[in-house]
Amino acid sequence: MAAPTVAPPETPRTPPAQPVRPRRGRKSRVLFWIGLLGASVLFLYPFFWVLSASLKPRSQVFDNALLPSQWAWENYVNVWQAAPVLQWFLNSVVVAVAAATAVTIASALVAFGFAYFRFPGRNFLFGLVLATMMLPGAVTMIPVYLIWNSVGLSTTQVPLWAANLFGSAFYIFLLRQFFLGLPRDLFEAARIDGASYWGLFWRIAVPLCKPAMIVTFVFELKASWSDLLKPLIYLRDEELYTLPRGLKAISDQFGQSGEQQWEIVLAGSVITTLPMVVVFFLAQRHFLYGIATQGRKG
């Protein structure tokens, strides 16, 4: 009878060596933070300079001191007395919110159509939409003005926001990329349950793409708020001025070609700039998340 064969003991397997990841040294971290601090100072210094100069008396506006030696809070009182700043502020709020809301909704609808529906010529039409971004605004400035003039709206605030009802190629591209990142199974399941195409857009796409839509809204809010060219073209009545157009009027009256009261001009600049700083901080979380996830799928 043959003796049973004894299997040799198994050699314990050594786990594969993990790649050694080089740790960032203290010196690298210090250089990294120094670079961030330098970039922050570079970008924030102009705003702090304007803020500081707006609080200085007229003789010290251009002394380049970061902190005023004498605080002139009356500059902000004077700018409110010199011009209807409150009316211009309200006009800017109405125009900017209307423009941002219109372009966000219109661009989202078009972007969802390009992302969800499959139809012949879809890529060609989308290419035409993107091609409009290559057309300079100066080329269409006069034809667009003639259109608004023909319908009797060339001296109103309507041209400042109504064109956004047709969407924007840039925002359509951004939102389409976000919609493409959504699982198509969600929409197919909703269709089986009887959801309409509007239901797919409003109940599924919009809630899931809220950060991207907030980014679009904030981008357009800032662009419309700081726009000077359109108000210069269309607005004639001082009561209809937006803040940038009003700031141009203040600069003409108190600036280099006026009474040389630059402290009033700078106070108006701070009033024009601060709202966008506040908006960014309020929407910062959604804004940064939307920027980080835009265009994640092509």
Protein backbone atom coordinates (compact mmCIF):
# COMPACT_ATOMS: atom_id res chain seq x y z
CA MET A 1 0.00 0.00 0.00
CA ALA A 2 1.48 3.27 -1.11
CA ALA A 3 2.20 5.87 1.52
CA PRO A 4 0.11 9.05 1.28
CA THR A 5 1.83 11.95 -0.41
CA VAL A 6 2.35 14.91 1.85
CA ALA A 7 2.00 18.23 0.11
CA PRO A 8 4.87 20.62 0.74
CA PRO A 9 4.02 23.58 2.93
CA GLU A 10 2.89 26.61 0.99
CA THR A 11 5.24 29.49 0.89
CA PRO A 12 3.49 32.56 2.27
CA ARG A 13 2.89 35.05 -0.50
CA THR A 14 4.40 38.41 -0.02
CA PRO A 15 1.96 41.18 -0.91
CA PRO A 16 3.13 43.32 -3.79
CA ALA A 17 5.08 46.29 -2.71
CA GLN A 18 3.06 49.48 -2.77
CA PRO A 19 4.60 52.31 -4.74
CA VAL A 20 6.19 54.79 -2.45
CA ARG A 21 4.56 58.14 -2.92
CA PRO A 22 6.91 61.01 -2.30
CA ARG A 23 5.65 63.23 0.46
CA ARG A 24 5.54 66.90 -0.13
CA GLY A 25 8.18 68.40 2.05
CA ARG A 26 7.73 71.33 4.35
CA LYS A 27 9.67 73.54 1.96
CA SER A 28 7.29 72.75 -0.90
CA ARG A 29 4.26 73.51 1.26
CA VAL A 30 5.76 76.80 2.36
CA LEU A 31 6.44 77.79 -1.25
CA PHE A 32 2.90 76.75 -2.20
CA TRP A 33 1.30 78.93 0.46
CA ILE A 34 3.62 81.83 -0.34
CA GLY A 35 2.52 81.59 -3.97
CA LEU A 36 -1.16 81.56 -2.98
CA LEU A 37 -0.64 84.50 -0.65
CA GLY A 38 1.18 86.46 -3.35
CA ALA A 39 -1.56 85.79 -5.90
CA SER A 40 -4.23 86.81 -3.39
CA VAL A 41 -2.45 90.09 -2.64
CA LEU A 42 -2.01 90.73 -6.37
CA PHE A 43 -5.71 90.33 -7.06
CA LEU A 44 -7.06 92.00 -3.89
CA TYR A 45 -4.77 95.02 -3.75
CA PRO A 46 -6.57 97.04 -6.49
CA PHE A 47 -9.91 96.65 -4.72
CA PHE A 48 -8.47 97.60 -1.33
CA TRP A 49 -6.75 100.58 -2.95
CA VAL A 50 -10.03 101.82 -4.41
CA LEU A 51 -11.81 101.23 -1.10
CA SER A 52 -9.12 103.11 0.80
CA ALA A 53 -8.98 105.99 -1.70
CA SER A 54 -12.75 106.38 -1.54
CA LEU A 55 -12.42 107.13 2.19
CA LYS A 56 -9.70 109.79 1.85
CA PRO A 57 -10.05 113.54 1.53
CA ARG A 58 -9.51 114.99 -1.92
CA SER A 59 -5.88 116.00 -1.29
CA GLN A 60 -4.85 112.46 -0.27
CA VAL A 61 -6.66 110.29 -2.85
CA PHE A 62 -3.53 109.42 -4.84
CA ASP A 63 -0.98 109.20 -2.00
CA ASN A 64 -0.89 105.34 -2.33
CA ALA A 65 -1.29 104.86 1.41
CA LEU A 66 -3.29 101.70 2.06
CA LEU A 67 -4.91 103.17 5.18
CA PRO A 68 -6.19 106.75 5.17
CA SER A 69 -4.57 109.11 7.66
CA GLN A 70 -7.86 110.98 7.76
CA TRP A 71 -11.17 109.18 7.20
CA ALA A 72 -13.63 110.98 4.94
CA TRP A 73 -16.90 109.07 5.34
CA GLU A 74 -18.75 112.02 3.86
CA ASN A 75 -17.58 110.93 0.39
CA TYR A 76 -20.30 108.28 0.34
CA VAL A 77 -22.87 110.83 1.48
CA ASN A 78 -21.75 113.19 -1.27
CA VAL A 79 -22.04 110.59 -4.04
CA TRP A 80 -25.61 109.77 -2.99
CA GLN A 81 -26.42 113.47 -3.04
CA ALA A 82 -24.66 114.14 -6.35
CA ALA A 83 -26.59 111.54 -8.34
CA PRO A 84 -29.68 109.27 -8.03
CA VAL A 85 -27.51 106.29 -7.07
CA LEU A 86 -30.36 104.42 -5.38
CA GLN A 87 -32.46 104.56 -8.56
CA TRP A 88 -29.50 103.38 -10.63
CA PHE A 89 -28.89 100.56 -8.15
CA LEU A 90 -32.51 99.36 -8.39
CA ASN A 91 -32.35 99.58 -12.19
CA SER A 92 -29.22 97.43 -12.20
CA VAL A 93 -30.86 94.86 -9.92
CA VAL A 94 -33.92 94.59 -12.18
CA VAL A 95 -31.91 94.38 -15.41
CA ALA A 96 -29.27 91.96 -14.06
CA VAL A 97 -31.78 89.58 -12.45
CA ALA A 98 -34.01 89.62 -15.55
CA ALA A 99 -31.06 88.98 -17.86
CA ALA A 100 -29.62 86.19 -15.69
CA THR A 101 -32.98 84.48 -15.22
CA ALA A 102 -33.85 84.66 -18.91
CA VAL A 103 -30.54 83.31 -20.17
CA THR A 104 -30.40 80.53 -17.55
CA ILE A 105 -33.85 79.16 -18.37
CA ALA A 106 -33.55 79.58 -22.14
CA SER A 107 -30.05 78.10 -22.34
CA ALA A 108 -31.02 75.18 -20.10
CA LEU A 109 -33.98 74.31 -22.32
CA VAL A 110 -31.88 74.35 -25.48
CA ALA A 111 -29.03 72.47 -23.81
CA PHE A 112 -31.39 69.77 -22.55
CA GLY A 113 -32.77 69.34 -26.05
CA PHE A 114 -29.29 68.82 -27.49
CA ALA A 115 -28.30 66.45 -24.67
CA TYR A 116 -31.40 64.24 -24.50
CA PHE A 117 -32.98 64.04 -27.94
CA ARG A 118 -31.43 62.05 -30.77
CA PHE A 119 -32.35 63.47 -34.16
CA PRO A 120 -30.67 63.83 -37.56
CA GLY A 121 -28.44 66.87 -37.83
CA ARG A 122 -28.16 67.34 -34.08
CA ASN A 123 -24.38 67.71 -34.09
CA PHE A 124 -24.52 70.04 -37.08
CA LEU A 125 -27.05 72.32 -35.39
CA PHE A 126 -25.02 72.30 -32.21
CA GLY A 127 -21.96 73.27 -34.25
CA LEU A 128 -23.89 76.22 -35.67
CA VAL A 129 -24.79 77.31 -32.15
CA LEU A 130 -21.14 77.20 -31.13
CA ALA A 131 -20.15 79.04 -34.29
CA THR A 132 -22.13 82.07 -33.13
CA MET A 133 -19.56 82.56 -30.36
CA MET A 134 -16.99 83.36 -33.03
CA LEU A 135 -19.07 86.29 -34.31
CA PRO A 136 -17.85 89.55 -32.71
CA GLY A 137 -20.47 91.58 -30.92
CA ALA A 138 -19.49 94.66 -32.92
CA VAL A 139 -20.70 92.94 -36.11
CA THR A 140 -24.27 92.56 -34.81
CA MET A 141 -24.43 95.78 -32.80
CA ILE A 142 -26.02 97.95 -35.49
CA PRO A 143 -28.48 95.34 -36.86
CA VAL A 144 -29.64 94.53 -33.33
CA TYR A 145 -30.12 98.22 -32.57
CA LEU A 146 -32.15 98.67 -35.74
CA ILE A 147 -34.39 95.76 -34.71
CA TRP A 148 -35.10 97.27 -31.30
CA ASN A 149 -35.58 100.69 -32.85
CA SER A 150 -38.12 99.31 -35.34
CA VAL A 151 -40.28 97.99 -32.47
CA GLY A 152 -39.95 101.22 -30.51
CA LEU A 153 -37.84 99.87 -27.63
CA SER A 154 -34.45 101.38 -28.44
CA THR A 155 -34.62 103.89 -25.55
CA THR A 156 -35.84 101.48 -22.86
CA GLN A 157 -34.22 98.89 -20.62
CA VAL A 158 -35.76 96.00 -22.56
CA PRO A 159 -32.79 95.52 -24.97
CA LEU A 160 -30.50 95.08 -21.96
CA TRP A 161 -32.10 91.74 -21.02
CA ALA A 162 -34.70 90.59 -23.57
CA ALA A 163 -32.13 89.24 -26.03
CA ASN A 164 -31.23 86.63 -23.39
CA LEU A 165 -34.62 84.97 -23.94
CA PHE A 166 -32.98 83.27 -26.94
CA GLY A 167 -30.19 81.78 -24.82
CA SER A 168 -26.44 82.07 -25.12
CA ALA A 169 -24.13 79.73 -27.03
CA PHE A 170 -21.57 79.72 -24.23
CA TYR A 171 -24.08 78.76 -21.55
CA ILE A 172 -25.79 76.24 -23.84
CA PHE A 173 -22.44 74.50 -24.27
CA LEU A 174 -21.73 74.44 -20.51
CA LEU A 175 -25.18 73.17 -19.55
CA ARG A 176 -25.24 70.57 -22.33
CA GLN A 177 -22.00 69.08 -21.01
CA PHE A 178 -23.55 68.84 -17.57
CA PHE A 179 -26.77 67.26 -18.85
CA LEU A 180 -24.73 64.67 -20.76
CA GLY A 181 -23.24 63.53 -17.46
CA LEU A 182 -26.64 62.47 -16.10
CA PRO A 183 -27.52 58.74 -16.37
CA ARG A 184 -29.91 58.28 -19.26
CA ASP A 185 -31.60 55.43 -17.35
CA LEU A 186 -33.21 58.01 -15.07
CA PHE A 187 -34.98 59.63 -17.99
CA GLU A 188 -35.98 56.32 -19.56
CA ALA A 189 -37.49 55.12 -16.28
CA ALA A 190 -39.40 58.37 -15.93
CA ARG A 191 -40.71 58.02 -19.48
CA ILE A 192 -41.97 54.52 -18.69
CA ASP A 193 -43.79 55.96 -15.68
CA GLY A 194 -45.53 58.45 -17.96
CA ALA A 195 -43.44 61.59 -17.43
CA SER A 196 -43.62 64.21 -20.17
CA TYR A 197 -40.57 65.77 -21.76
CA TRP A 198 -41.16 68.89 -19.67
CA GLY A 199 -41.31 66.67 -16.59
CA LEU A 200 -37.96 65.13 -17.51
CA PHE A 201 -36.45 68.58 -17.72
CA TRP A 202 -38.07 70.19 -14.70
CA ARG A 203 -38.22 67.27 -12.25
CA ILE A 204 -35.00 65.40 -13.09
CA ALA A 205 -32.53 67.50 -15.08
CA VAL A 206 -32.95 70.81 -13.27
CA PRO A 207 -32.62 69.48 -9.67
CA LEU A 208 -29.58 67.37 -10.57
CA CYS A 209 -27.90 70.23 -12.46
CA LYS A 210 -28.65 72.98 -9.96
CA PRO A 211 -24.93 73.88 -9.42
CA ALA A 212 -24.41 74.34 -13.15
CA MET A 213 -27.48 76.55 -13.43
CA ILE A 214 -26.32 78.61 -10.46
CA VAL A 215 -22.97 79.09 -12.20
CA THR A 216 -24.77 80.24 -15.34
CA PHE A 217 -26.95 82.60 -13.32
CA VAL A 218 -23.98 84.11 -11.45
CA PHE A 219 -21.91 84.49 -14.62
CA GLU A 220 -24.67 86.36 -16.41
CA LEU A 221 -25.59 88.38 -13.32
CA LYS A 222 -22.03 89.63 -13.13
CA ALA A 223 -21.81 90.27 -16.88
CA SER A 224 -25.07 92.19 -16.96
CA TRP A 225 -24.30 94.11 -13.77
CA SER A 226 -20.95 95.37 -15.07
CA ASP A 227 -22.03 95.94 -18.69
CA LEU A 228 -21.49 99.51 -19.87
CA LEU A 229 -21.72 99.23 -23.66
CA LYS A 230 -25.42 98.37 -23.96
CA PRO A 231 -26.56 101.08 -21.52
CA LEU A 232 -24.45 103.60 -23.43
CA ILE A 233 -26.19 102.61 -26.67
CA TYR A 234 -29.79 102.35 -25.50
CA LEU A 235 -30.31 104.48 -22.40
CA ARG A 236 -30.98 108.19 -22.80
CA ASP A 237 -33.08 109.01 -19.73
CA GLU A 238 -31.01 109.43 -16.57
CA GLU A 239 -33.71 107.74 -14.50
CA LEU A 240 -33.20 104.53 -16.51
CA TYR A 241 -29.42 104.40 -16.04
CA THR A 242 -27.82 101.31 -14.56
CA LEU A 243 -24.92 101.66 -12.13
CA PRO A 244 -22.13 101.34 -14.74
CA ARG A 245 -23.85 103.94 -16.95
CA GLY A 246 -24.41 106.16 -13.94
CA LEU A 247 -20.79 105.72 -12.87
CA LYS A 248 -19.76 106.89 -16.35
CA ALA A 249 -21.90 110.01 -15.84
CA ILE A 250 -20.33 110.60 -12.41
CA SER A 251 -16.86 110.15 -13.91
CA ASP A 252 -17.65 112.68 -16.63
CA GLN A 253 -18.90 115.19 -14.06
CA PHE A 254 -16.38 114.73 -11.26
CA GLY A 255 -13.43 113.02 -12.96
CA GLN A 256 -10.66 114.15 -15.26
CA SER A 257 -12.89 116.21 -17.55
CA GLY A 258 -15.02 117.54 -14.69
CA GLU A 259 -14.52 118.95 -11.21
CA GLN A 260 -11.53 116.77 -10.25
CA GLN A 261 -13.38 115.18 -7.31
CA TRP A 262 -11.99 111.69 -7.67
CA GLU A 263 -13.03 110.67 -4.17
CA ILE A 264 -16.67 110.78 -5.31
CA VAL A 265 -15.89 108.75 -8.43
CA LEU A 266 -14.10 106.11 -6.35
CA ALA A 267 -16.95 105.97 -3.84
CA GLY A 268 -19.29 105.28 -6.75
CA SER A 269 -16.93 102.55 -7.96
CA VAL A 270 -17.05 100.81 -4.58
CA ILE A 271 -20.85 100.98 -4.52
CA THR A 272 -20.90 99.39 -7.98
CA THR A 273 -18.42 96.63 -7.09
CA LEU A 274 -19.55 95.52 -3.63
CA PRO A 275 -22.83 93.80 -4.66
CA MET A 276 -20.98 91.32 -6.89
CA VAL A 277 -18.55 90.52 -4.07
CA VAL A 278 -21.51 89.77 -1.80
CA VAL A 279 -23.19 87.62 -4.48
CA PHE A 280 -20.03 85.56 -4.93
CA PHE A 281 -19.73 84.82 -1.22
CA LEU A 282 -23.39 83.88 -0.96
CA ALA A 283 -23.18 81.49 -3.93
CA GLN A 284 -19.60 80.40 -3.36
CA ARG A 285 -20.29 76.74 -2.55
CA HIS A 286 -22.51 76.14 -5.59
CA PHE A 287 -20.27 78.32 -7.75
CA LEU A 288 -17.06 76.41 -7.04
CA TYR A 289 -18.76 73.02 -7.31
CA GLY A 290 -20.32 73.95 -10.63
CA ILE A 291 -17.01 75.18 -12.01
CA ALA A 292 -15.24 71.99 -10.88
CA THR A 293 -17.80 69.70 -12.55
CA GLN A 294 -18.54 71.62 -15.75
CA GLY A 295 -17.65 69.81 -18.93
CA ARG A 296 -17.00 66.50 -17.22
CA LYS A 297 -18.46 64.56 -20.17
CA GLY A 298 -18.33 65.38 -23.87
